[in-house]
Amino acid sequence: MKRLLCASILIILLVTGCAKKPLFKESYYFQALGEPQQIVFTIDTAYIDDLFGEVPEMVPLLTKVRRISAEVYPMQLFDSEEGNLQLDRLSSLNFRGALEGDIPAFALNTALLWNKGWQKVEGENNRRYYHNQQYGIDVYAPKNGLLLFATDSFEDHYQKSYLKRQLHITDAVALRMKEAAFGIFMASPQAMIDIGLALPKSVLLQADSVALVVEKKEEEFRLGGIITMKTERLANSLSILLKSSYISDKRRNKEPLGNLENLFIRVGDVVIVNDMILDEEQFRSITALFSSFTSRLTQEVW
């Protein structure tokens, strides 16, 4: 049944397609994600294999999807003392977000309506969505180009991310995330996780928000970041710590320092990271949770 659904969706998408135009005139979809204690990420699917490893039997739907965005929670996935990711708790992870791309809403919703693996659910104001009991997920395409998904509270997700959008990510940060291969946003200390920069948990807890982008340049993955601290003094301390840690790491590995002039910049209470080359350990640290999520979403659900 799962393979039949994938095949039918692929045929619908290939035949019908939809116009490529902005979904929301003044913002990106994922800007309405990311309430406190949630982590937001957005992925350009052109880089999904490079970022997370090739997914066996990649789902047909993703051939027409240009972006996957989601918020993940609850934070019980992380050790309360050290903030370390507990991948063995992944089955308790909730997520909700959207696929964006050449998605014809009417055709896709009709395909779900007639597929036995999905049950129609009547929401508020006679609005329907579709539930898959086996995988515990709800989906609905409210307009061409957008397919919403949620593992719980779909109606709440529909209201907050689509119908009555309130933005949690600034335009400047969102633009950096959108133009990168992979972007992460954390809006509260409770959501802070190891971001591959060897920062103590105590330092991360002094941040108001952290936005990271992973970009591929000259066949290397590089890290950019916008870290907003609670005060200018803390931002200054963070920039010093980042630079010292970076230099120590390079010297320990007997690697050239490269150009440090614009690598870490402080502007008021904000620290900006520019084009920091990631080693394998840093890259895996940043992508660990999201690699597991992507595998779950693509292999188990679609």
Protein backbone atom coordinates (compact mmCIF):
# COMPACT_ATOMS: atom_id res chain seq x y z
CA MET A 1 0.00 0.00 0.00
CA LYS A 2 2.83 2.38 0.87
CA ARG A 3 4.51 1.77 -2.49
CA LEU A 4 1.18 2.22 -4.29
CA LEU A 5 0.69 5.59 -2.59
CA CYS A 6 4.22 6.74 -3.49
CA ALA A 7 3.73 5.71 -7.11
CA SER A 8 0.36 7.43 -7.40
CA ILE A 9 1.66 10.64 -5.86
CA LEU A 10 4.67 10.65 -8.20
CA ILE A 11 2.43 10.27 -11.27
CA ILE A 12 0.18 13.09 -10.11
CA LEU A 13 3.10 15.41 -9.48
CA LEU A 14 4.84 14.66 -12.75
CA VAL A 15 1.70 15.17 -14.81
CA THR A 16 0.16 18.17 -13.10
CA GLY A 17 2.88 20.12 -11.33
CA CYS A 18 2.07 23.64 -10.19
CA ALA A 19 3.23 27.18 -10.68
CA LYS A 20 6.48 28.22 -9.01
CA LYS A 21 5.55 31.37 -7.13
CA PRO A 22 6.09 32.64 -3.57
CA LEU A 23 3.86 30.89 -1.06
CA PHE A 24 3.74 33.93 1.21
CA LYS A 25 4.43 37.40 -0.18
CA GLU A 26 6.35 38.86 2.76
CA SER A 27 7.91 35.86 4.48
CA TYR A 28 9.18 32.32 4.11
CA TYR A 29 7.03 29.46 5.34
CA PHE A 30 9.45 28.36 8.09
CA GLN A 31 9.50 31.83 9.71
CA ALA A 32 6.24 30.93 11.46
CA LEU A 33 7.85 27.89 13.10
CA GLY A 34 9.92 27.91 16.25
CA GLU A 35 8.13 28.70 19.48
CA PRO A 36 10.21 28.46 22.69
CA GLN A 37 11.74 25.04 23.38
CA GLN A 38 11.50 24.04 19.73
CA ILE A 39 14.25 23.71 17.15
CA VAL A 40 13.53 24.79 13.58
CA PHE A 41 15.38 23.48 10.59
CA THR A 42 15.00 23.95 6.86
CA ILE A 43 16.70 21.90 4.14
CA ASP A 44 17.25 22.59 0.47
CA THR A 45 16.54 19.11 -0.93
CA ALA A 46 19.18 19.56 -3.63
CA TYR A 47 21.71 18.90 -0.84
CA ILE A 48 19.85 16.21 1.10
CA ASP A 49 22.17 13.36 0.06
CA ASP A 50 25.30 15.41 0.78
CA LEU A 51 24.02 16.44 4.18
CA PHE A 52 22.49 13.28 5.52
CA GLY A 53 23.73 10.46 3.34
CA GLU A 54 21.82 8.86 0.50
CA VAL A 55 18.40 7.66 1.62
CA PRO A 56 17.71 4.15 0.30
CA GLU A 57 14.74 4.04 -2.03
CA MET A 58 14.29 7.81 -1.88
CA VAL A 59 10.61 8.52 -1.82
CA PRO A 60 9.11 9.62 -5.15
CA LEU A 61 7.42 12.64 -3.57
CA LEU A 62 10.80 14.24 -2.80
CA THR A 63 11.70 14.37 -6.49
CA LYS A 64 9.31 17.31 -6.76
CA VAL A 65 10.00 18.88 -3.37
CA ARG A 66 12.45 21.78 -3.13
CA ARG A 67 12.43 22.36 0.62
CA ILE A 68 11.66 20.52 3.86
CA SER A 69 11.08 22.66 6.95
CA ALA A 70 10.06 21.53 10.42
CA GLU A 71 10.10 22.25 14.11
CA VAL A 72 11.08 19.37 16.40
CA TYR A 73 10.24 18.80 20.07
CA PRO A 74 10.01 17.91 22.98
CA MET A 75 13.42 18.63 24.44
CA GLN A 76 13.43 15.46 26.53
CA LEU A 77 15.57 14.21 23.66
CA PHE A 78 18.44 16.04 25.30
CA ASP A 79 20.25 15.25 28.53
CA SER A 80 19.17 17.86 31.06
CA GLU A 81 22.67 18.39 32.44
CA GLU A 82 24.93 18.20 29.43
CA GLY A 83 22.54 18.97 26.59
CA ASN A 84 23.71 15.88 24.69
CA LEU A 85 21.41 14.37 22.11
CA GLN A 86 19.83 11.07 23.12
CA LEU A 87 19.14 9.35 19.80
CA ASP A 88 17.60 6.36 21.57
CA ARG A 89 14.70 8.67 22.43
CA LEU A 90 14.00 9.54 18.81
CA SER A 91 10.78 7.55 18.77
CA SER A 92 9.31 10.11 21.21
CA LEU A 93 10.16 13.04 18.94
CA ASN A 94 7.29 15.14 17.67
CA PHE A 95 7.68 17.18 14.53
CA ARG A 96 5.57 19.37 12.31
CA GLY A 97 6.29 21.46 9.28
CA ALA A 98 5.86 21.35 5.51
CA LEU A 99 7.17 20.19 2.19
CA GLU A 100 7.43 22.92 -0.46
CA GLY A 101 7.71 22.35 -4.19
CA ASP A 102 5.69 21.39 -7.24
CA ILE A 103 2.78 20.06 -5.20
CA PRO A 104 -0.73 20.30 -6.72
CA ALA A 105 -3.03 20.60 -3.72
CA PHE A 106 -6.30 19.30 -5.19
CA ALA A 107 -4.73 16.28 -6.88
CA LEU A 108 -2.67 15.30 -3.85
CA ASN A 109 -5.55 15.66 -1.38
CA THR A 110 -7.74 13.60 -3.70
CA ALA A 111 -5.10 10.86 -3.86
CA LEU A 112 -4.99 10.74 -0.05
CA LEU A 113 -8.80 10.67 0.14
CA TRP A 114 -8.97 7.50 -1.93
CA ASN A 115 -5.97 5.73 -0.41
CA LYS A 116 -6.85 3.14 2.25
CA GLY A 117 -3.74 3.94 4.29
CA TRP A 118 -5.10 7.41 5.08
CA GLN A 119 -8.30 8.35 6.91
CA LYS A 120 -10.07 11.66 6.39
CA VAL A 121 -10.41 13.74 9.56
CA GLU A 122 -12.90 16.59 9.86
CA GLY A 123 -11.22 19.61 11.44
CA GLU A 124 -12.56 23.03 12.34
CA ASN A 125 -14.82 24.92 9.93
CA ASN A 126 -15.45 21.79 7.83
CA ARG A 127 -11.74 21.61 6.98
CA ARG A 128 -10.39 18.15 6.42
CA TYR A 129 -6.97 16.61 6.73
CA TYR A 130 -5.65 13.05 6.50
CA HIS A 131 -4.31 10.75 9.20
CA ASN A 132 -2.05 7.72 8.81
CA GLN A 133 -2.57 5.46 11.82
CA GLN A 134 0.46 3.26 11.15
CA TYR A 135 2.95 6.13 11.15
CA GLY A 136 1.10 8.53 13.43
CA ILE A 137 1.12 11.54 11.13
CA ASP A 138 -1.43 14.00 9.74
CA VAL A 139 -1.04 15.76 6.38
CA TYR A 140 -2.92 18.22 4.21
CA ALA A 141 -2.09 20.45 1.22
CA PRO A 142 -3.86 23.81 1.86
CA LYS A 143 -2.64 25.34 -1.41
CA ASN A 144 -0.52 24.52 -4.42
CA GLY A 145 3.12 24.21 -3.49
CA LEU A 146 2.66 23.35 0.19
CA LEU A 147 2.03 20.08 2.06
CA LEU A 148 1.69 20.43 5.83
CA PHE A 149 2.55 17.52 8.15
CA ALA A 150 2.39 17.00 11.91
CA THR A 151 2.75 14.11 14.33
CA ASP A 152 0.39 15.82 16.77
CA SER A 153 -1.89 18.86 17.09
CA PHE A 154 -2.40 19.27 13.34
CA GLU A 155 -5.16 21.86 13.73
CA ASP A 156 -2.90 24.00 15.92
CA HIS A 157 -0.10 23.62 13.39
CA TYR A 158 -2.40 24.63 10.53
CA GLN A 159 -3.51 27.75 12.38
CA LYS A 160 -0.05 28.90 13.48
CA SER A 161 2.04 28.10 10.43
CA TYR A 162 -0.49 28.78 7.68
CA LEU A 163 -3.79 30.46 8.53
CA LYS A 164 -2.80 32.93 11.29
CA ARG A 165 0.94 33.17 10.90
CA GLN A 166 3.06 34.82 13.58
CA LEU A 167 6.71 35.08 12.62
CA HIS A 168 9.41 33.93 15.06
CA ILE A 169 12.44 34.30 12.79
CA THR A 170 13.57 37.70 11.50
CA ASP A 171 13.78 38.39 7.78
CA ALA A 172 17.59 38.72 7.84
CA VAL A 173 18.07 35.39 9.61
CA ALA A 174 15.47 33.66 7.46
CA LEU A 175 17.16 34.82 4.26
CA ARG A 176 20.47 33.28 5.37
CA MET A 177 18.71 30.03 6.24
CA LYS A 178 16.84 29.93 2.94
CA GLU A 179 19.94 30.51 0.82
CA ALA A 180 21.96 27.80 2.62
CA ALA A 181 21.90 24.05 2.14
CA PHE A 182 20.70 23.60 5.72
CA GLY A 183 19.58 26.06 8.36
CA ILE A 184 18.88 25.70 12.09
CA PHE A 185 17.17 28.13 14.47
CA MET A 186 16.84 27.85 18.26
CA ALA A 187 14.90 30.56 20.07
CA SER A 188 15.34 29.79 23.75
CA PRO A 189 17.99 28.44 26.15
CA GLN A 190 15.88 25.32 26.72
CA ALA A 191 16.27 24.42 23.06
CA MET A 192 20.04 24.93 22.86
CA ILE A 193 22.04 21.87 21.78
CA ASP A 194 25.66 21.14 20.92
CA ILE A 195 26.23 23.04 17.68
CA GLY A 196 29.65 21.65 16.83
CA LEU A 197 31.61 24.65 18.11
CA ALA A 198 32.87 23.12 21.38
CA LEU A 199 30.95 25.68 23.43
CA PRO A 200 30.13 24.91 27.06
CA LYS A 201 26.45 24.44 27.82
CA SER A 202 26.68 27.38 30.24
CA VAL A 203 27.62 29.66 27.35
CA LEU A 204 24.78 28.47 25.12
CA LEU A 205 22.32 29.12 27.95
CA GLN A 206 23.29 32.80 27.82
CA ALA A 207 22.10 33.08 24.22
CA ASP A 208 18.73 34.57 23.28
CA SER A 209 18.77 32.81 19.92
CA VAL A 210 21.09 30.83 17.68
CA ALA A 211 20.78 30.58 13.90
CA LEU A 212 23.22 28.39 12.00
CA VAL A 213 23.60 27.73 8.30
CA VAL A 214 25.58 25.00 6.56
CA GLU A 215 26.71 26.03 3.09
CA LYS A 216 28.61 24.11 0.45
CA LYS A 217 31.44 26.12 -1.07
CA GLU A 218 34.32 24.77 -3.14
CA GLU A 219 33.21 21.19 -2.34
CA GLU A 220 33.48 21.88 1.41
CA PHE A 221 30.77 22.38 3.98
CA ARG A 222 31.13 25.65 5.83
CA LEU A 223 29.34 27.00 8.86
CA GLY A 224 27.79 30.42 9.22
CA GLY A 225 26.00 31.67 12.28
CA ILE A 226 24.13 34.52 13.90
CA ILE A 227 24.24 34.15 17.70
CA THR A 228 22.36 36.74 19.73
CA MET A 229 23.52 36.95 23.35
CA LYS A 230 21.74 38.50 26.32
CA THR A 231 24.23 41.38 26.60
CA GLU A 232 27.04 42.98 24.61
CA ARG A 233 29.52 41.86 27.27
CA LEU A 234 28.48 38.24 26.82
CA ALA A 235 28.71 38.62 23.04
CA ASN A 236 32.24 39.94 23.36
CA SER A 237 33.20 37.01 25.61
CA LEU A 238 31.66 34.58 23.13
CA SER A 239 33.58 35.98 20.16
CA ILE A 240 36.84 35.66 22.11
CA LEU A 241 35.99 32.11 23.15
CA LEU A 242 35.08 31.08 19.62
CA LYS A 243 38.31 32.47 18.17
CA SER A 244 40.47 30.90 20.89
CA SER A 245 38.76 27.52 20.50
CA TYR A 246 39.14 27.65 16.72
CA ILE A 247 42.86 28.48 16.90
CA SER A 248 43.52 25.79 19.51
CA ASP A 249 41.73 23.19 17.42
CA LYS A 250 43.68 24.09 14.28
CA ARG A 251 47.01 24.00 16.09
CA ARG A 252 46.21 20.69 17.76
CA ASN A 253 45.43 19.16 14.37
CA LYS A 254 48.44 20.88 12.77
CA GLU A 255 46.23 22.62 10.22
CA PRO A 256 46.72 26.11 8.74
CA LEU A 257 44.78 28.85 10.50
CA GLY A 258 43.67 30.52 7.29
CA ASN A 259 42.20 34.02 7.25
CA LEU A 260 40.84 34.89 10.71
CA GLU A 261 39.99 38.53 9.96
CA ASN A 262 36.25 38.10 9.36
CA LEU A 263 35.72 34.61 10.76
CA PHE A 264 34.09 35.83 13.99
CA ILE A 265 32.58 39.31 14.12
CA ARG A 266 30.76 40.98 17.01
CA VAL A 267 28.12 43.62 16.32
CA GLY A 268 26.57 44.78 19.57
CA ASP A 269 25.03 41.75 21.28
CA VAL A 270 25.34 39.60 18.14
CA VAL A 271 28.23 37.34 17.13
CA ILE A 272 28.45 36.46 13.43
CA VAL A 273 30.33 33.40 12.18
CA ASN A 274 31.45 33.49 8.54
CA ASP A 275 32.61 30.61 6.33
CA MET A 276 34.04 28.38 9.05
CA ILE A 277 35.22 25.14 7.46
CA LEU A 278 33.69 22.15 9.26
CA ASP A 279 35.66 19.03 10.02
CA GLU A 280 33.91 15.66 9.94
CA GLU A 281 33.19 15.59 13.68
CA GLN A 282 31.68 19.07 13.69
CA PHE A 283 29.59 18.32 10.62
CA ARG A 284 28.15 15.14 12.14
CA SER A 285 27.51 16.86 15.46
CA ILE A 286 25.38 19.50 13.78
CA THR A 287 23.47 17.14 11.48
CA ALA A 288 22.98 14.14 13.84
CA LEU A 289 19.43 14.88 15.00
CA PHE A 290 18.26 16.08 11.64
CA SER A 291 19.75 13.10 9.80
CA SER A 292 17.68 10.81 12.02
CA PHE A 293 14.58 12.93 11.53
CA THR A 294 14.99 12.99 7.74
CA SER A 295 15.37 9.23 7.63
CA ARG A 296 12.25 8.79 9.73
CA LEU A 297 10.19 11.20 7.65
CA THR A 298 11.27 9.83 4.27
CA GLN A 299 11.59 6.10 4.96
CA GLU A 300 8.85 5.44 7.48
CA VAL A 301 6.17 7.91 6.43
CA TRP A 302 6.44 8.45 2.69
